[in-house]
């Protein structure tokens, strides 16, 4: 139909050949300029993993990704951009000490915020209307709960996005020093090994302090054997703890004891986990004690 109209116009204006040729070129180019298709787009929400030394952000895309992902304000710096192309996903890994990543210590709630601004761009060089930006916060908290707050971000705007790091899992055991097997029935004077262990995928991120230890006779009577600072109260019952051999481990040998006219002795301790800032304070204290006495 369009071709018939072009021929009809050309026959009608055959006396003005320049005008008719220009009209023909315009009509032939018209269909290709009616609509510019959007080549790609993001699917769902960004996935964030808060690691010990780095933050990883993963995006899913509608089509094969041919653009780039970069840290806002640092797109041309080494390690601050990624061209992970040729598949329907892309990602970027940013070191926590690079690319202008900001670290802020929080008092309430206690922990550490690590903030970075990320942009996913579907063009190799330019920012377009389908690109998306995220302001990502990884929060390493001094608590035993992990919560995730995902948020969708409008094009070319930056919104908060917080991911909570996994907390260590801790346990307290009383074992036989020779077999390393947990004990439940012993005699007064038997040698025991008290062990405190916290398991984490990022052990170098935390400092552990064992404190506020009590023994209880099964009927409500309690006796404190470690202070709130983790120091021994009666070194005959339980001496100052030895931290190690692992980063989140403490242990101490002691002899079994009991309350008069009681069979049951229950042990209970608290463990505090702090964000590491240099060497752990408790290690420095006990190093000084060893140097002083040994």
C-alpha atoms as a PDB file:
ATOM      1  CA  UNK A   1       0.000   0.000   0.000  1.00  0.00           C
ATOM      2  CA  UNK A   2       2.805   2.383   0.950  1.00  0.00           C
ATOM      3  CA  UNK A   3       4.651   1.582  -2.315  1.00  0.00           C
ATOM      4  CA  UNK A   4       1.513   2.365  -4.380  1.00  0.00           C
ATOM      5  CA  UNK A   5       1.202   5.767  -2.672  1.00  0.00           C
ATOM      6  CA  UNK A   6       4.853   6.529  -3.396  1.00  0.00           C
ATOM      7  CA  UNK A   7       4.425   5.668  -7.108  1.00  0.00           C
ATOM      8  CA  UNK A   8       1.256   7.790  -7.296  1.00  0.00           C
ATOM      9  CA  UNK A   9       3.021  10.794  -5.703  1.00  0.00           C
ATOM     10  CA  UNK A  10       5.980  10.395  -8.023  1.00  0.00           C
ATOM     11  CA  UNK A  11       3.738  10.356 -11.121  1.00  0.00           C
ATOM     12  CA  UNK A  12       1.858  13.424  -9.925  1.00  0.00           C
ATOM     13  CA  UNK A  13       5.021  15.429  -9.208  1.00  0.00           C
ATOM     14  CA  UNK A  14       7.178  14.129 -12.065  1.00  0.00           C
ATOM     15  CA  UNK A  15       7.809  17.684 -13.206  1.00  0.00           C
ATOM     16  CA  UNK A  16       9.557  18.535  -9.942  1.00  0.00           C
ATOM     17  CA  UNK A  17      11.947  15.593  -9.772  1.00  0.00           C
ATOM     18  CA  UNK A  18      14.044  16.934  -6.880  1.00  0.00           C
ATOM     19  CA  UNK A  19      11.002  17.320  -4.621  1.00  0.00           C
ATOM     20  CA  UNK A  20       9.644  13.893  -5.495  1.00  0.00           C
ATOM     21  CA  UNK A  21      13.025  12.201  -4.843  1.00  0.00           C
ATOM     22  CA  UNK A  22      13.322  13.843  -1.419  1.00  0.00           C
ATOM     23  CA  UNK A  23       9.756  12.802  -0.609  1.00  0.00           C
ATOM     24  CA  UNK A  24      10.551   9.231  -1.634  1.00  0.00           C
ATOM     25  CA  UNK A  25      13.638   9.105   0.651  1.00  0.00           C
ATOM     26  CA  UNK A  26      11.651  10.552   3.601  1.00  0.00           C
ATOM     27  CA  UNK A  27       8.859   7.992   3.215  1.00  0.00           C
ATOM     28  CA  UNK A  28      11.299   5.108   2.984  1.00  0.00           C
ATOM     29  CA  UNK A  29      13.083   6.211   6.184  1.00  0.00           C
ATOM     30  CA  UNK A  30       9.889   7.000   8.118  1.00  0.00           C
ATOM     31  CA  UNK A  31       9.077   3.451   9.406  1.00  0.00           C
ATOM     32  CA  UNK A  32      12.525   3.015  10.994  1.00  0.00           C
ATOM     33  CA  UNK A  33      12.220   6.203  13.045  1.00  0.00           C
ATOM     34  CA  UNK A  34       8.754   5.659  14.472  1.00  0.00           C
ATOM     35  CA  UNK A  35       9.944   3.699  17.550  1.00  0.00           C
ATOM     36  CA  UNK A  36      13.340   3.083  19.236  1.00  0.00           C
ATOM     37  CA  UNK A  37      13.232  -0.289  21.032  1.00  0.00           C
ATOM     38  CA  UNK A  38      14.636  -0.683  24.565  1.00  0.00           C
ATOM     39  CA  UNK A  39      17.384  -3.309  24.149  1.00  0.00           C
ATOM     40  CA  UNK A  40      17.405  -4.825  27.661  1.00  0.00           C
ATOM     41  CA  UNK A  41      16.328  -4.414  31.282  1.00  0.00           C
ATOM     42  CA  UNK A  42      16.793  -5.741  34.818  1.00  0.00           C
ATOM     43  CA  UNK A  43      14.739  -8.689  36.096  1.00  0.00           C
ATOM     44  CA  UNK A  44      13.712  -8.706  39.769  1.00  0.00           C
ATOM     45  CA  UNK A  45      15.856  -7.320  42.557  1.00  0.00           C
ATOM     46  CA  UNK A  46      19.606  -7.119  42.918  1.00  0.00           C
ATOM     47  CA  UNK A  47      21.212  -9.814  45.083  1.00  0.00           C
ATOM     48  CA  UNK A  48      23.829  -8.642  47.588  1.00  0.00           C
ATOM     49  CA  UNK A  49      26.373 -10.725  49.507  1.00  0.00           C
ATOM     50  CA  UNK A  50      28.252  -9.018  52.350  1.00  0.00           C
ATOM     51  CA  UNK A  51      31.627 -10.713  52.683  1.00  0.00           C
ATOM     52  CA  UNK A  52      34.534 -10.298  55.072  1.00  0.00           C
ATOM     53  CA  UNK A  53      36.686  -8.287  52.637  1.00  0.00           C
ATOM     54  CA  UNK A  54      34.307  -7.468  49.755  1.00  0.00           C
ATOM     55  CA  UNK A  55      30.725  -6.851  48.655  1.00  0.00           C
ATOM     56  CA  UNK A  56      29.260  -8.735  45.670  1.00  0.00           C
ATOM     57  CA  UNK A  57      26.160  -7.538  43.771  1.00  0.00           C
ATOM     58  CA  UNK A  58      24.440  -9.772  41.180  1.00  0.00           C
ATOM     59  CA  UNK A  59      21.829  -8.653  38.629  1.00  0.00           C
ATOM     60  CA  UNK A  60      19.551 -10.738  36.363  1.00  0.00           C
ATOM     61  CA  UNK A  61      18.686  -9.266  32.932  1.00  0.00           C
ATOM     62  CA  UNK A  62      15.981  -9.771  30.317  1.00  0.00           C
ATOM     63  CA  UNK A  63      18.480 -10.414  27.507  1.00  0.00           C
ATOM     64  CA  UNK A  64      22.205 -11.013  27.094  1.00  0.00           C
ATOM     65  CA  UNK A  65      23.985  -8.258  29.016  1.00  0.00           C
ATOM     66  CA  UNK A  66      26.290  -6.032  26.936  1.00  0.00           C
ATOM     67  CA  UNK A  67      26.825  -3.062  29.254  1.00  0.00           C
ATOM     68  CA  UNK A  68      28.760  -2.520  32.453  1.00  0.00           C
ATOM     69  CA  UNK A  69      28.318  -2.272  36.241  1.00  0.00           C
ATOM     70  CA  UNK A  70      30.341   0.294  38.167  1.00  0.00           C
ATOM     71  CA  UNK A  71      30.731   2.194  41.436  1.00  0.00           C
ATOM     72  CA  UNK A  72      29.230   5.669  41.129  1.00  0.00           C
ATOM     73  CA  UNK A  73      31.992   8.265  40.915  1.00  0.00           C
ATOM     74  CA  UNK A  74      34.706   5.659  40.260  1.00  0.00           C
ATOM     75  CA  UNK A  75      33.716   4.178  36.881  1.00  0.00           C
ATOM     76  CA  UNK A  76      37.214   4.516  35.375  1.00  0.00           C
ATOM     77  CA  UNK A  77      39.181   3.185  38.353  1.00  0.00           C
ATOM     78  CA  UNK A  78      40.677  -0.311  38.451  1.00  0.00           C
ATOM     79  CA  UNK A  79      38.502  -2.764  40.341  1.00  0.00           C
ATOM     80  CA  UNK A  80      35.548  -0.381  40.447  1.00  0.00           C
ATOM     81  CA  UNK A  81      33.736  -1.495  37.286  1.00  0.00           C
ATOM     82  CA  UNK A  82      32.771  -4.793  35.662  1.00  0.00           C
ATOM     83  CA  UNK A  83      32.003  -5.822  32.083  1.00  0.00           C
ATOM     84  CA  UNK A  84      30.655  -9.296  32.838  1.00  0.00           C
ATOM     85  CA  UNK A  85      28.820  -9.661  29.498  1.00  0.00           C
ATOM     86  CA  UNK A  86      27.375 -12.281  27.157  1.00  0.00           C
ATOM     87  CA  UNK A  87      24.817 -13.879  29.499  1.00  0.00           C
ATOM     88  CA  UNK A  88      21.512 -13.021  31.150  1.00  0.00           C
ATOM     89  CA  UNK A  89      23.185 -11.926  34.366  1.00  0.00           C
ATOM     90  CA  UNK A  90      26.039  -9.725  35.468  1.00  0.00           C
ATOM     91  CA  UNK A  91      27.826  -8.908  38.702  1.00  0.00           C
ATOM     92  CA  UNK A  92      30.445  -6.764  40.386  1.00  0.00           C
ATOM     93  CA  UNK A  93      32.741  -7.414  43.361  1.00  0.00           C
ATOM     94  CA  UNK A  94      33.942  -4.350  45.271  1.00  0.00           C
ATOM     95  CA  UNK A  95      36.699  -4.439  47.890  1.00  0.00           C
ATOM     96  CA  UNK A  96      35.715  -2.748  51.147  1.00  0.00           C
ATOM     97  CA  UNK A  97      38.930  -0.662  51.136  1.00  0.00           C
ATOM     98  CA  UNK A  98      38.586   0.530  47.523  1.00  0.00           C
ATOM     99  CA  UNK A  99      36.378   2.595  45.189  1.00  0.00           C
ATOM    100  CA  UNK A 100      35.334   5.125  47.821  1.00  0.00           C
ATOM    101  CA  UNK A 101      33.506   2.535  49.960  1.00  0.00           C
ATOM    102  CA  UNK A 102      32.460   4.246  53.207  1.00  0.00           C
ATOM    103  CA  UNK A 103      32.652   2.474  56.587  1.00  0.00           C
ATOM    104  CA  UNK A 104      30.674   3.895  59.537  1.00  0.00           C
ATOM    105  CA  UNK A 105      30.610   2.509  63.087  1.00  0.00           C
ATOM    106  CA  UNK A 106      27.136   2.466  64.661  1.00  0.00           C
ATOM    107  CA  UNK A 107      26.479   2.668  68.404  1.00  0.00           C
ATOM    108  CA  UNK A 108      22.737   1.986  68.293  1.00  0.00           C
ATOM    109  CA  UNK A 109      22.356  -0.649  67.044  1.00  0.00           C
ATOM    110  CA  UNK A 110      25.978  -1.643  67.712  1.00  0.00           C
ATOM    111  CA  UNK A 111      27.821  -2.697  64.575  1.00  0.00           C
ATOM    112  CA  UNK A 112      29.423  -1.522  61.356  1.00  0.00           C
ATOM    113  CA  UNK A 113      27.829  -0.030  58.204  1.00  0.00           C
ATOM    114  CA  UNK A 114      29.704  -0.450  54.900  1.00  0.00           C
ATOM    115  CA  UNK A 115      28.149   1.714  52.142  1.00  0.00           C
ATOM    116  CA  UNK A 116      28.697   1.772  48.362  1.00  0.00           C
ATOM    117  CA  UNK A 117      26.757   3.192  45.387  1.00  0.00           C
ATOM    118  CA  UNK A 118      26.375   0.843  42.388  1.00  0.00           C
ATOM    119  CA  UNK A 119      24.984   1.573  38.879  1.00  0.00           C
ATOM    120  CA  UNK A 120      24.015  -1.056  36.278  1.00  0.00           C
ATOM    121  CA  UNK A 121      24.236   0.463  32.786  1.00  0.00           C
ATOM    122  CA  UNK A 122      22.947  -1.378  29.725  1.00  0.00           C
ATOM    123  CA  UNK A 123      25.003   0.796  27.355  1.00  0.00           C
ATOM    124  CA  UNK A 124      28.743   0.292  27.025  1.00  0.00           C
ATOM    125  CA  UNK A 125      29.599   3.970  27.532  1.00  0.00           C
ATOM    126  CA  UNK A 126      26.515   6.074  28.402  1.00  0.00           C
ATOM    127  CA  UNK A 127      23.808   6.228  31.093  1.00  0.00           C
ATOM    128  CA  UNK A 128      20.306   5.674  29.663  1.00  0.00           C
ATOM    129  CA  UNK A 129      16.762   5.733  31.014  1.00  0.00           C
ATOM    130  CA  UNK A 130      16.653   1.951  31.620  1.00  0.00           C
ATOM    131  CA  UNK A 131      19.720   1.964  33.880  1.00  0.00           C
ATOM    132  CA  UNK A 132      19.305   1.518  37.637  1.00  0.00           C
ATOM    133  CA  UNK A 133      21.261   2.715  40.646  1.00  0.00           C
ATOM    134  CA  UNK A 134      21.520   1.268  44.149  1.00  0.00           C
ATOM    135  CA  UNK A 135      22.910   2.671  47.371  1.00  0.00           C
ATOM    136  CA  UNK A 136      23.911  -0.509  49.192  1.00  0.00           C
ATOM    137  CA  UNK A 137      24.618  -0.797  52.928  1.00  0.00           C
ATOM    138  CA  UNK A 138      26.078  -3.937  54.468  1.00  0.00           C
ATOM    139  CA  UNK A 139      25.494  -3.928  58.217  1.00  0.00           C
ATOM    140  CA  UNK A 140      27.718  -6.153  60.378  1.00  0.00           C
ATOM    141  CA  UNK A 141      25.847  -6.195  63.664  1.00  0.00           C
ATOM    142  CA  UNK A 142      26.890  -7.254  67.143  1.00  0.00           C
ATOM    143  CA  UNK A 143      23.790  -9.398  67.685  1.00  0.00           C
ATOM    144  CA  UNK A 144      22.578 -12.900  66.947  1.00  0.00           C
ATOM    145  CA  UNK A 145      19.975 -12.167  64.282  1.00  0.00           C
ATOM    146  CA  UNK A 146      20.209 -11.805  60.513  1.00  0.00           C
ATOM    147  CA  UNK A 147      17.586  -9.758  58.628  1.00  0.00           C
ATOM    148  CA  UNK A 148      17.390  -8.679  54.987  1.00  0.00           C
ATOM    149  CA  UNK A 149      15.739  -5.510  53.695  1.00  0.00           C
ATOM    150  CA  UNK A 150      15.473  -5.581  49.844  1.00  0.00           C
ATOM    151  CA  UNK A 151      14.209  -2.491  48.002  1.00  0.00           C
ATOM    152  CA  UNK A 152      13.345  -1.707  44.380  1.00  0.00           C
ATOM    153  CA  UNK A 153      15.024   1.383  42.903  1.00  0.00           C
ATOM    154  CA  UNK A 154      13.558   3.683  40.268  1.00  0.00           C
ATOM    155  CA  UNK A 155      15.697   4.469  37.182  1.00  0.00           C
ATOM    156  CA  UNK A 156      18.622   6.819  37.830  1.00  0.00           C
ATOM    157  CA  UNK A 157      17.850   7.188  41.560  1.00  0.00           C
ATOM    158  CA  UNK A 158      19.729   5.856  44.574  1.00  0.00           C
ATOM    159  CA  UNK A 159      17.827   4.225  47.426  1.00  0.00           C
ATOM    160  CA  UNK A 160      18.991   2.429  50.606  1.00  0.00           C
ATOM    161  CA  UNK A 161      19.621  -1.330  50.320  1.00  0.00           C
ATOM    162  CA  UNK A 162      20.741  -3.106  53.501  1.00  0.00           C
ATOM    163  CA  UNK A 163      22.014  -6.668  53.897  1.00  0.00           C
ATOM    164  CA  UNK A 164      22.907  -8.118  57.318  1.00  0.00           C
ATOM    165  CA  UNK A 165      25.984 -10.329  57.687  1.00  0.00           C
ATOM    166  CA  UNK A 166      25.581 -13.792  59.229  1.00  0.00           C
ATOM    167  CA  UNK A 167      26.406 -13.929  62.939  1.00  0.00           C
ATOM    168  CA  UNK A 168      28.722 -16.588  64.445  1.00  0.00           C
ATOM    169  CA  UNK A 169      27.158 -19.627  66.161  1.00  0.00           C
ATOM    170  CA  UNK A 170      28.629 -20.314  69.602  1.00  0.00           C
ATOM    171  CA  UNK A 171      28.694 -23.297  72.004  1.00  0.00           C
ATOM    172  CA  UNK A 172      30.097 -24.202  75.433  1.00  0.00           C
ATOM    173  CA  UNK A 173      31.385 -27.719  76.192  1.00  0.00           C
ATOM    174  CA  UNK A 174      33.007 -29.484  79.122  1.00  0.00           C
ATOM    175  CA  UNK A 175      35.094 -32.385  77.778  1.00  0.00           C
ATOM    176  CA  UNK A 176      37.634 -34.986  78.842  1.00  0.00           C
ATOM    177  CA  UNK A 177      41.100 -33.471  78.108  1.00  0.00           C
ATOM    178  CA  UNK A 178      42.369 -36.790  76.749  1.00  0.00           C
ATOM    179  CA  UNK A 179      39.498 -38.033  74.598  1.00  0.00           C
ATOM    180  CA  UNK A 180      37.938 -34.603  73.840  1.00  0.00           C
ATOM    181  CA  UNK A 181      34.540 -36.233  74.415  1.00  0.00           C
ATOM    182  CA  UNK A 182      31.809 -34.320  76.337  1.00  0.00           C
ATOM    183  CA  UNK A 183      31.375 -35.510  79.947  1.00  0.00           C
ATOM    184  CA  UNK A 184      28.192 -35.726  81.994  1.00  0.00           C
ATOM    185  CA  UNK A 185      29.181 -37.751  85.096  1.00  0.00           C
ATOM    186  CA  UNK A 186      32.548 -37.173  86.837  1.00  0.00           C
ATOM    187  CA  UNK A 187      34.104 -37.428  90.284  1.00  0.00           C
ATOM    188  CA  UNK A 188      35.439 -34.581  92.410  1.00  0.00           C
ATOM    189  CA  UNK A 189      39.025 -33.882  91.372  1.00  0.00           C
ATOM    190  CA  UNK A 190      38.736 -35.256  87.819  1.00  0.00           C
ATOM    191  CA  UNK A 191      40.536 -33.115  85.272  1.00  0.00           C
ATOM    192  CA  UNK A 192      38.141 -31.342  82.885  1.00  0.00           C
ATOM    193  CA  UNK A 193      38.596 -29.075  79.863  1.00  0.00           C
ATOM    194  CA  UNK A 194      36.177 -26.160  79.478  1.00  0.00           C
ATOM    195  CA  UNK A 195      35.859 -25.101  75.810  1.00  0.00           C
ATOM    196  CA  UNK A 196      34.061 -22.153  74.186  1.00  0.00           C
ATOM    197  CA  UNK A 197      33.854 -22.080  70.370  1.00  0.00           C
ATOM    198  CA  UNK A 198      32.146 -19.749  67.864  1.00  0.00           C
ATOM    199  CA  UNK A 199      31.857 -20.795  64.212  1.00  0.00           C
ATOM    200  CA  UNK A 200      31.777 -18.160  61.465  1.00  0.00           C
ATOM    201  CA  UNK A 201      32.564 -17.783  57.763  1.00  0.00           C
ATOM    202  CA  UNK A 202      34.443 -14.571  58.678  1.00  0.00           C
ATOM    203  CA  UNK A 203      36.346 -15.409  61.880  1.00  0.00           C
ATOM    204  CA  UNK A 204      38.819 -12.526  61.458  1.00  0.00           C
ATOM    205  CA  UNK A 205      35.951 -10.014  61.612  1.00  0.00           C
ATOM    206  CA  UNK A 206      35.098 -10.655  65.281  1.00  0.00           C
ATOM    207  CA  UNK A 207      36.590 -10.492  68.770  1.00  0.00           C
ATOM    208  CA  UNK A 208      35.243 -12.976  71.345  1.00  0.00           C
ATOM    209  CA  UNK A 209      35.088 -12.477  75.128  1.00  0.00           C
ATOM    210  CA  UNK A 210      33.790 -15.162  77.510  1.00  0.00           C
ATOM    211  CA  UNK A 211      32.404 -13.544  80.666  1.00  0.00           C
ATOM    212  CA  UNK A 212      29.834 -13.728  83.496  1.00  0.00           C
ATOM    213  CA  UNK A 213      30.239 -17.464  84.207  1.00  0.00           C
ATOM    214  CA  UNK A 214      28.173 -19.075  86.979  1.00  0.00           C
ATOM    215  CA  UNK A 215      27.805 -22.530  88.505  1.00  0.00           C
ATOM    216  CA  UNK A 216      24.383 -23.569  89.809  1.00  0.00           C
ATOM    217  CA  UNK A 217      23.448 -26.506  92.055  1.00  0.00           C
ATOM    218  CA  UNK A 218      20.154 -27.413  90.351  1.00  0.00           C
ATOM    219  CA  UNK A 219      17.984 -25.769  93.015  1.00  0.00           C
ATOM    220  CA  UNK A 220      18.680 -22.096  92.304  1.00  0.00           C
ATOM    221  CA  UNK A 221      21.873 -21.497  94.295  1.00  0.00           C
ATOM    222  CA  UNK A 222      24.490 -19.774  92.105  1.00  0.00           C
ATOM    223  CA  UNK A 223      28.172 -18.934  92.452  1.00  0.00           C
ATOM    224  CA  UNK A 224      30.001 -16.641  90.010  1.00  0.00           C
ATOM    225  CA  UNK A 225      33.395 -17.877  88.763  1.00  0.00           C
ATOM    226  CA  UNK A 226      34.132 -15.336  85.944  1.00  0.00           C
ATOM    227  CA  UNK A 227      33.497 -11.571  86.181  1.00  0.00           C
ATOM    228  CA  UNK A 228      31.626  -9.420  83.672  1.00  0.00           C
ATOM    229  CA  UNK A 229      35.032  -8.594  82.132  1.00  0.00           C
ATOM    230  CA  UNK A 230      35.967 -12.299  81.808  1.00  0.00           C
ATOM    231  CA  UNK A 231      38.460 -12.482  84.706  1.00  0.00           C
ATOM    232  CA  UNK A 232      38.733 -15.385  87.175  1.00  0.00           C
ATOM    233  CA  UNK A 233      37.196 -14.822  90.634  1.00  0.00           C
ATOM    234  CA  UNK A 234      38.389 -18.036  92.320  1.00  0.00           C
ATOM    235  CA  UNK A 235      41.391 -19.329  90.380  1.00  0.00           C
ATOM    236  CA  UNK A 236      41.247 -22.608  92.328  1.00  0.00           C
ATOM    237  CA  UNK A 237      37.877 -23.377  90.724  1.00  0.00           C
ATOM    238  CA  UNK A 238      38.564 -21.877  87.238  1.00  0.00           C
ATOM    239  CA  UNK A 239      41.623 -19.827  86.312  1.00  0.00           C
ATOM    240  CA  UNK A 240      41.804 -17.081  83.649  1.00  0.00           C
ATOM    241  CA  UNK A 241      40.909 -18.487  80.245  1.00  0.00           C
ATOM    242  CA  UNK A 242      43.345 -19.160  77.400  1.00  0.00           C
ATOM    243  CA  UNK A 243      42.118 -17.763  74.067  1.00  0.00           C
ATOM    244  CA  UNK A 244      42.916 -19.924  71.041  1.00  0.00           C
ATOM    245  CA  UNK A 245      44.120 -21.909  69.262  1.00  0.00           C
ATOM    246  CA  UNK A 246      41.556 -20.602  66.709  1.00  0.00           C
ATOM    247  CA  UNK A 247      40.404 -16.965  66.293  1.00  0.00           C
ATOM    248  CA  UNK A 248      37.064 -17.565  68.060  1.00  0.00           C
ATOM    249  CA  UNK A 249      38.060 -20.171  70.637  1.00  0.00           C
ATOM    250  CA  UNK A 250      38.818 -20.173  74.363  1.00  0.00           C
ATOM    251  CA  UNK A 251      39.577 -22.996  76.772  1.00  0.00           C
ATOM    252  CA  UNK A 252      40.857 -23.790  80.255  1.00  0.00           C
ATOM    253  CA  UNK A 253      41.586 -26.957  82.213  1.00  0.00           C
ATOM    254  CA  UNK A 254      40.140 -27.265  85.733  1.00  0.00           C
ATOM    255  CA  UNK A 255      39.324 -29.937  88.287  1.00  0.00           C
ATOM    256  CA  UNK A 256      35.770 -31.087  88.953  1.00  0.00           C
ATOM    257  CA  UNK A 257      34.082 -29.676  92.075  1.00  0.00           C
ATOM    258  CA  UNK A 258      30.552 -29.684  93.501  1.00  0.00           C
ATOM    259  CA  UNK A 259      28.288 -28.057  96.062  1.00  0.00           C
ATOM    260  CA  UNK A 260      27.947 -29.701  99.490  1.00  0.00           C
ATOM    261  CA  UNK A 261      25.071 -32.193  99.593  1.00  0.00           C
ATOM    262  CA  UNK A 262      24.382 -31.640  95.876  1.00  0.00           C
ATOM    263  CA  UNK A 263      25.122 -33.871  92.894  1.00  0.00           C
ATOM    264  CA  UNK A 264      24.279 -31.572  89.980  1.00  0.00           C
ATOM    265  CA  UNK A 265      26.559 -28.711  88.881  1.00  0.00           C
ATOM    266  CA  UNK A 266      25.328 -26.589  85.974  1.00  0.00           C
ATOM    267  CA  UNK A 267      27.775 -24.270  84.161  1.00  0.00           C
ATOM    268  CA  UNK A 268      26.558 -21.128  82.396  1.00  0.00           C
ATOM    269  CA  UNK A 269      28.609 -18.442  80.588  1.00  0.00           C
ATOM    270  CA  UNK A 270      27.962 -15.442  78.331  1.00  0.00           C
ATOM    271  CA  UNK A 271      29.898 -14.732  75.118  1.00  0.00           C
ATOM    272  CA  UNK A 272      30.294 -11.232  73.729  1.00  0.00           C
ATOM    273  CA  UNK A 273      31.142 -10.703  70.029  1.00  0.00           C
ATOM    274  CA  UNK A 274      32.596  -7.332  69.026  1.00  0.00           C
ATOM    275  CA  UNK A 275      33.657  -6.030  65.601  1.00  0.00           C
ATOM    276  CA  UNK A 276      37.450  -6.413  65.386  1.00  0.00           C
ATOM    277  CA  UNK A 277      39.398  -3.141  65.256  1.00  0.00           C
ATOM    278  CA  UNK A 278      43.044  -4.216  65.193  1.00  0.00           C
ATOM    279  CA  UNK A 279      43.997  -6.901  67.729  1.00  0.00           C
ATOM    280  CA  UNK A 280      41.313  -8.100  70.143  1.00  0.00           C
ATOM    281  CA  UNK A 281      41.595  -6.348  73.556  1.00  0.00           C
ATOM    282  CA  UNK A 282      41.329  -9.577  75.545  1.00  0.00           C
ATOM    283  CA  UNK A 283      44.327 -11.040  73.695  1.00  0.00           C
ATOM    284  CA  UNK A 284      46.414  -7.965  74.543  1.00  0.00           C
ATOM    285  CA  UNK A 285      45.464  -8.229  78.240  1.00  0.00           C
ATOM    286  CA  UNK A 286      46.422 -11.879  78.553  1.00  0.00           C
ATOM    287  CA  UNK A 287      49.628 -11.381  76.539  1.00  0.00           C
ATOM    288  CA  UNK A 288      50.644  -8.737  79.093  1.00  0.00           C
ATOM    289  CA  UNK A 289      49.817 -11.106  81.985  1.00  0.00           C
ATOM    290  CA  UNK A 290      51.949 -13.871  80.456  1.00  0.00           C
ATOM    291  CA  UNK A 291      54.886 -11.497  79.918  1.00  0.00           C
ATOM    292  CA  UNK A 292      54.595 -10.257  83.505  1.00  0.00           C
ATOM    293  CA  UNK A 293      54.525 -13.669  85.199  1.00  0.00           C
ATOM    294  CA  UNK A 294      56.375 -15.871  82.732  1.00  0.00           C
END
